[in-house]
């Protein structure tokens, strides 16, 4: 099975104002086969600039309920440097969803035979992401569970649910 192009997507909310409409749009796009969410983190940055990355499993039952359509299908692809790079773009007192998305709509373009032997290529970053996905045991069309908590605060030390772990 062919893997569609991969891309990072960040959706941020200043002041932590979040209505949930983006979740509905994300679910609709995935159900229609336009995209597939491969990884997702919730990143929070407090008023002092401290950063915490949360897996869906770290959220309360109420907070995680809207994401139930992703249950069991996510990988742990993001690394602390991904969290750090995202947090640098966020103002203090904000939250963001960081997603790795497969553009499943483009799979037929990659598979279609072309008379001129053309192909749809991934960007260098996309190829790097594909290698990371495959190294985690992920295969196109499949899913894998087993999330690993990770995060990095402003001082550079790793955090899991607010506890310093490295």
C-alpha atoms as a PDB file:
ATOM      1  CA  UNK A   1       0.000   0.000   0.000  1.00  0.00           C
ATOM      2  CA  UNK A   2       1.252   3.480  -0.853  1.00  0.00           C
ATOM      3  CA  UNK A   3       1.839   6.179   1.732  1.00  0.00           C
ATOM      4  CA  UNK A   4       0.419   9.624   0.977  1.00  0.00           C
ATOM      5  CA  UNK A   5       2.423  12.824   1.441  1.00  0.00           C
ATOM      6  CA  UNK A   6       3.007  13.762   5.090  1.00  0.00           C
ATOM      7  CA  UNK A   7       2.924  17.181   6.680  1.00  0.00           C
ATOM      8  CA  UNK A   8       3.090  18.857  10.074  1.00  0.00           C
ATOM      9  CA  UNK A   9       0.100  21.015  10.944  1.00  0.00           C
ATOM     10  CA  UNK A  10      -0.170  23.312  13.962  1.00  0.00           C
ATOM     11  CA  UNK A  11      -3.456  24.878  15.023  1.00  0.00           C
ATOM     12  CA  UNK A  12      -2.966  27.390  17.865  1.00  0.00           C
ATOM     13  CA  UNK A  13      -5.396  29.236  20.095  1.00  0.00           C
ATOM     14  CA  UNK A  14      -4.328  32.375  21.944  1.00  0.00           C
ATOM     15  CA  UNK A  15      -5.665  32.679  25.449  1.00  0.00           C
ATOM     16  CA  UNK A  16      -6.498  28.969  25.296  1.00  0.00           C
ATOM     17  CA  UNK A  17      -9.829  29.804  23.659  1.00  0.00           C
ATOM     18  CA  UNK A  18     -10.988  26.684  21.861  1.00  0.00           C
ATOM     19  CA  UNK A  19     -14.516  26.074  20.612  1.00  0.00           C
ATOM     20  CA  UNK A  20     -13.991  22.595  19.164  1.00  0.00           C
ATOM     21  CA  UNK A  21     -14.972  23.410  15.580  1.00  0.00           C
ATOM     22  CA  UNK A  22     -11.537  22.344  14.341  1.00  0.00           C
ATOM     23  CA  UNK A  23     -12.092  18.863  15.788  1.00  0.00           C
ATOM     24  CA  UNK A  24     -15.318  18.503  13.812  1.00  0.00           C
ATOM     25  CA  UNK A  25     -13.544  19.557  10.604  1.00  0.00           C
ATOM     26  CA  UNK A  26     -10.654  17.179  11.333  1.00  0.00           C
ATOM     27  CA  UNK A  27     -12.997  14.252  11.996  1.00  0.00           C
ATOM     28  CA  UNK A  28     -14.997  15.001   8.827  1.00  0.00           C
ATOM     29  CA  UNK A  29     -11.832  15.159   6.695  1.00  0.00           C
ATOM     30  CA  UNK A  30     -10.575  11.873   8.117  1.00  0.00           C
ATOM     31  CA  UNK A  31     -13.951  10.123   7.717  1.00  0.00           C
ATOM     32  CA  UNK A  32     -14.099  11.269   4.071  1.00  0.00           C
ATOM     33  CA  UNK A  33     -10.632   9.808   3.430  1.00  0.00           C
ATOM     34  CA  UNK A  34      -9.063  13.175   2.659  1.00  0.00           C
ATOM     35  CA  UNK A  35      -6.499  12.925   5.450  1.00  0.00           C
ATOM     36  CA  UNK A  36      -5.392  10.564   8.187  1.00  0.00           C
ATOM     37  CA  UNK A  37      -4.040  11.843  11.481  1.00  0.00           C
ATOM     38  CA  UNK A  38      -0.886   9.885  12.314  1.00  0.00           C
ATOM     39  CA  UNK A  39       0.159  11.734  15.477  1.00  0.00           C
ATOM     40  CA  UNK A  40      -1.321  14.491  17.598  1.00  0.00           C
ATOM     41  CA  UNK A  41      -0.080  16.400  20.638  1.00  0.00           C
ATOM     42  CA  UNK A  42      -1.758  19.108  22.650  1.00  0.00           C
ATOM     43  CA  UNK A  43       0.825  21.745  23.576  1.00  0.00           C
ATOM     44  CA  UNK A  44       0.112  24.295  26.280  1.00  0.00           C
ATOM     45  CA  UNK A  45       2.194  27.381  27.020  1.00  0.00           C
ATOM     46  CA  UNK A  46       1.414  29.228  30.247  1.00  0.00           C
ATOM     47  CA  UNK A  47       1.718  32.950  31.016  1.00  0.00           C
ATOM     48  CA  UNK A  48       5.373  32.523  32.064  1.00  0.00           C
ATOM     49  CA  UNK A  49       6.264  30.666  28.861  1.00  0.00           C
ATOM     50  CA  UNK A  50       6.461  27.191  30.417  1.00  0.00           C
ATOM     51  CA  UNK A  51       5.548  24.495  27.912  1.00  0.00           C
ATOM     52  CA  UNK A  52       3.814  21.179  28.429  1.00  0.00           C
ATOM     53  CA  UNK A  53       3.088  18.603  25.714  1.00  0.00           C
ATOM     54  CA  UNK A  54       0.213  16.225  26.324  1.00  0.00           C
ATOM     55  CA  UNK A  55      -0.768  12.989  24.661  1.00  0.00           C
ATOM     56  CA  UNK A  56      -4.469  12.307  24.280  1.00  0.00           C
ATOM     57  CA  UNK A  57      -4.049   9.782  27.101  1.00  0.00           C
ATOM     58  CA  UNK A  58      -2.961  12.676  29.391  1.00  0.00           C
ATOM     59  CA  UNK A  59      -6.232  14.538  28.880  1.00  0.00           C
ATOM     60  CA  UNK A  60      -9.202  14.147  31.188  1.00  0.00           C
ATOM     61  CA  UNK A  61     -12.017  11.942  29.930  1.00  0.00           C
ATOM     62  CA  UNK A  62     -14.044  15.056  29.160  1.00  0.00           C
ATOM     63  CA  UNK A  63     -11.152  16.737  27.289  1.00  0.00           C
ATOM     64  CA  UNK A  64     -10.347  13.580  25.288  1.00  0.00           C
ATOM     65  CA  UNK A  65     -13.945  12.705  24.315  1.00  0.00           C
ATOM     66  CA  UNK A  66     -14.008  14.867  21.127  1.00  0.00           C
ATOM     67  CA  UNK A  67     -10.857  13.074  19.903  1.00  0.00           C
ATOM     68  CA  UNK A  68     -12.366   9.574  20.267  1.00  0.00           C
ATOM     69  CA  UNK A  69     -12.355   9.102  16.481  1.00  0.00           C
ATOM     70  CA  UNK A  70      -8.527   8.954  16.706  1.00  0.00           C
ATOM     71  CA  UNK A  71      -8.430   6.280  19.407  1.00  0.00           C
ATOM     72  CA  UNK A  72      -5.960   3.510  18.644  1.00  0.00           C
ATOM     73  CA  UNK A  73      -4.745   5.018  15.398  1.00  0.00           C
ATOM     74  CA  UNK A  74      -1.992   7.356  16.557  1.00  0.00           C
ATOM     75  CA  UNK A  75       1.761   6.833  16.678  1.00  0.00           C
ATOM     76  CA  UNK A  76       4.391   8.511  18.820  1.00  0.00           C
ATOM     77  CA  UNK A  77       6.295  10.262  16.052  1.00  0.00           C
ATOM     78  CA  UNK A  78       6.834  13.691  17.573  1.00  0.00           C
ATOM     79  CA  UNK A  79      10.013  14.258  19.511  1.00  0.00           C
ATOM     80  CA  UNK A  80      10.935  16.926  22.069  1.00  0.00           C
ATOM     81  CA  UNK A  81      12.524  19.099  19.362  1.00  0.00           C
ATOM     82  CA  UNK A  82       9.179  19.130  17.499  1.00  0.00           C
ATOM     83  CA  UNK A  83       7.471  20.362  20.668  1.00  0.00           C
ATOM     84  CA  UNK A  84      10.167  22.993  21.195  1.00  0.00           C
ATOM     85  CA  UNK A  85       9.960  24.268  17.605  1.00  0.00           C
ATOM     86  CA  UNK A  86       6.166  24.523  17.864  1.00  0.00           C
ATOM     87  CA  UNK A  87       6.269  26.252  21.253  1.00  0.00           C
ATOM     88  CA  UNK A  88       8.667  28.883  19.886  1.00  0.00           C
ATOM     89  CA  UNK A  89       5.914  29.942  17.461  1.00  0.00           C
ATOM     90  CA  UNK A  90       3.285  30.202  20.192  1.00  0.00           C
ATOM     91  CA  UNK A  91       2.643  33.264  22.340  1.00  0.00           C
ATOM     92  CA  UNK A  92       2.469  32.834  26.108  1.00  0.00           C
ATOM     93  CA  UNK A  93      -0.938  31.801  27.458  1.00  0.00           C
ATOM     94  CA  UNK A  94      -1.913  29.721  24.436  1.00  0.00           C
ATOM     95  CA  UNK A  95      -2.567  26.154  23.389  1.00  0.00           C
ATOM     96  CA  UNK A  96      -1.987  24.301  20.131  1.00  0.00           C
ATOM     97  CA  UNK A  97      -2.647  21.007  18.486  1.00  0.00           C
ATOM     98  CA  UNK A  98       0.401  19.667  16.661  1.00  0.00           C
ATOM     99  CA  UNK A  99      -0.524  17.034  14.097  1.00  0.00           C
ATOM    100  CA  UNK A 100       1.253  14.813  11.624  1.00  0.00           C
ATOM    101  CA  UNK A 101      -1.192  14.290   8.781  1.00  0.00           C
ATOM    102  CA  UNK A 102      -1.089  11.934   5.822  1.00  0.00           C
ATOM    103  CA  UNK A 103      -2.700  13.436   2.726  1.00  0.00           C
ATOM    104  CA  UNK A 104      -4.573  10.278   1.755  1.00  0.00           C
ATOM    105  CA  UNK A 105      -6.338  12.097  -1.078  1.00  0.00           C
ATOM    106  CA  UNK A 106      -2.991  12.111  -2.948  1.00  0.00           C
ATOM    107  CA  UNK A 107      -2.386   8.353  -2.819  1.00  0.00           C
ATOM    108  CA  UNK A 108      -4.060   7.733  -6.210  1.00  0.00           C
ATOM    109  CA  UNK A 109      -1.739  10.360  -7.730  1.00  0.00           C
ATOM    110  CA  UNK A 110       1.265   8.427  -6.449  1.00  0.00           C
ATOM    111  CA  UNK A 111      -0.107   5.105  -7.639  1.00  0.00           C
ATOM    112  CA  UNK A 112      -1.411   6.187 -11.032  1.00  0.00           C
ATOM    113  CA  UNK A 113       0.732   5.051 -13.957  1.00  0.00           C
ATOM    114  CA  UNK A 114       1.837   7.960 -16.070  1.00  0.00           C
ATOM    115  CA  UNK A 115       2.863   7.624 -19.706  1.00  0.00           C
ATOM    116  CA  UNK A 116       5.772   9.954 -19.085  1.00  0.00           C
ATOM    117  CA  UNK A 117       6.827   8.023 -15.952  1.00  0.00           C
ATOM    118  CA  UNK A 118       5.953  10.965 -13.731  1.00  0.00           C
ATOM    119  CA  UNK A 119       5.504  10.634 -10.010  1.00  0.00           C
ATOM    120  CA  UNK A 120       4.360  12.587  -6.988  1.00  0.00           C
ATOM    121  CA  UNK A 121       7.370  13.029  -4.738  1.00  0.00           C
ATOM    122  CA  UNK A 122       7.549  13.823  -1.061  1.00  0.00           C
ATOM    123  CA  UNK A 123       9.439  16.805   0.219  1.00  0.00           C
ATOM    124  CA  UNK A 124      12.675  16.108   2.042  1.00  0.00           C
ATOM    125  CA  UNK A 125      10.835  16.700   5.314  1.00  0.00           C
ATOM    126  CA  UNK A 126       8.055  14.358   4.193  1.00  0.00           C
ATOM    127  CA  UNK A 127      10.562  11.617   3.401  1.00  0.00           C
ATOM    128  CA  UNK A 128      12.133  12.093   6.829  1.00  0.00           C
ATOM    129  CA  UNK A 129       8.702  11.805   8.450  1.00  0.00           C
ATOM    130  CA  UNK A 130       7.935   8.671   6.468  1.00  0.00           C
ATOM    131  CA  UNK A 131      11.149   7.047   7.725  1.00  0.00           C
ATOM    132  CA  UNK A 132      10.245   8.001  11.302  1.00  0.00           C
ATOM    133  CA  UNK A 133       6.764   6.512  10.897  1.00  0.00           C
ATOM    134  CA  UNK A 134       8.095   3.286   9.452  1.00  0.00           C
ATOM    135  CA  UNK A 135      10.755   3.021  12.183  1.00  0.00           C
ATOM    136  CA  UNK A 136       7.877   3.062  14.706  1.00  0.00           C
ATOM    137  CA  UNK A 137       6.362   0.014  13.009  1.00  0.00           C
ATOM    138  CA  UNK A 138       3.661   1.925  11.142  1.00  0.00           C
ATOM    139  CA  UNK A 139       2.553   0.754   7.740  1.00  0.00           C
ATOM    140  CA  UNK A 140       0.261   2.573   5.321  1.00  0.00           C
ATOM    141  CA  UNK A 141      -3.368   1.825   6.051  1.00  0.00           C
ATOM    142  CA  UNK A 142      -2.473   0.406   9.452  1.00  0.00           C
ATOM    143  CA  UNK A 143      -2.459   1.757  12.939  1.00  0.00           C
ATOM    144  CA  UNK A 144      -0.440   1.270  16.035  1.00  0.00           C
ATOM    145  CA  UNK A 145      -0.912   2.186  19.661  1.00  0.00           C
ATOM    146  CA  UNK A 146       1.520   2.544  22.517  1.00  0.00           C
ATOM    147  CA  UNK A 147       1.933   6.271  23.022  1.00  0.00           C
ATOM    148  CA  UNK A 148       4.981   7.626  24.781  1.00  0.00           C
ATOM    149  CA  UNK A 149       4.613  10.735  26.933  1.00  0.00           C
ATOM    150  CA  UNK A 150       7.118  13.437  26.199  1.00  0.00           C
ATOM    151  CA  UNK A 151       7.583  17.162  26.420  1.00  0.00           C
ATOM    152  CA  UNK A 152      10.139  19.848  27.015  1.00  0.00           C
ATOM    153  CA  UNK A 153       9.843  22.961  29.122  1.00  0.00           C
ATOM    154  CA  UNK A 154      11.452  26.318  28.442  1.00  0.00           C
ATOM    155  CA  UNK A 155      14.598  25.430  30.422  1.00  0.00           C
ATOM    156  CA  UNK A 156      15.167  22.440  28.140  1.00  0.00           C
ATOM    157  CA  UNK A 157      14.375  19.706  30.632  1.00  0.00           C
ATOM    158  CA  UNK A 158      11.910  17.015  29.624  1.00  0.00           C
ATOM    159  CA  UNK A 159       8.565  16.830  31.380  1.00  0.00           C
ATOM    160  CA  UNK A 160       5.836  14.262  31.674  1.00  0.00           C
ATOM    161  CA  UNK A 161       2.619  15.639  33.173  1.00  0.00           C
ATOM    162  CA  UNK A 162       4.599  18.388  34.892  1.00  0.00           C
ATOM    163  CA  UNK A 163       7.274  16.121  36.397  1.00  0.00           C
ATOM    164  CA  UNK A 164      10.880  16.558  35.373  1.00  0.00           C
ATOM    165  CA  UNK A 165      12.129  13.311  33.843  1.00  0.00           C
ATOM    166  CA  UNK A 166      15.453  14.326  32.309  1.00  0.00           C
END
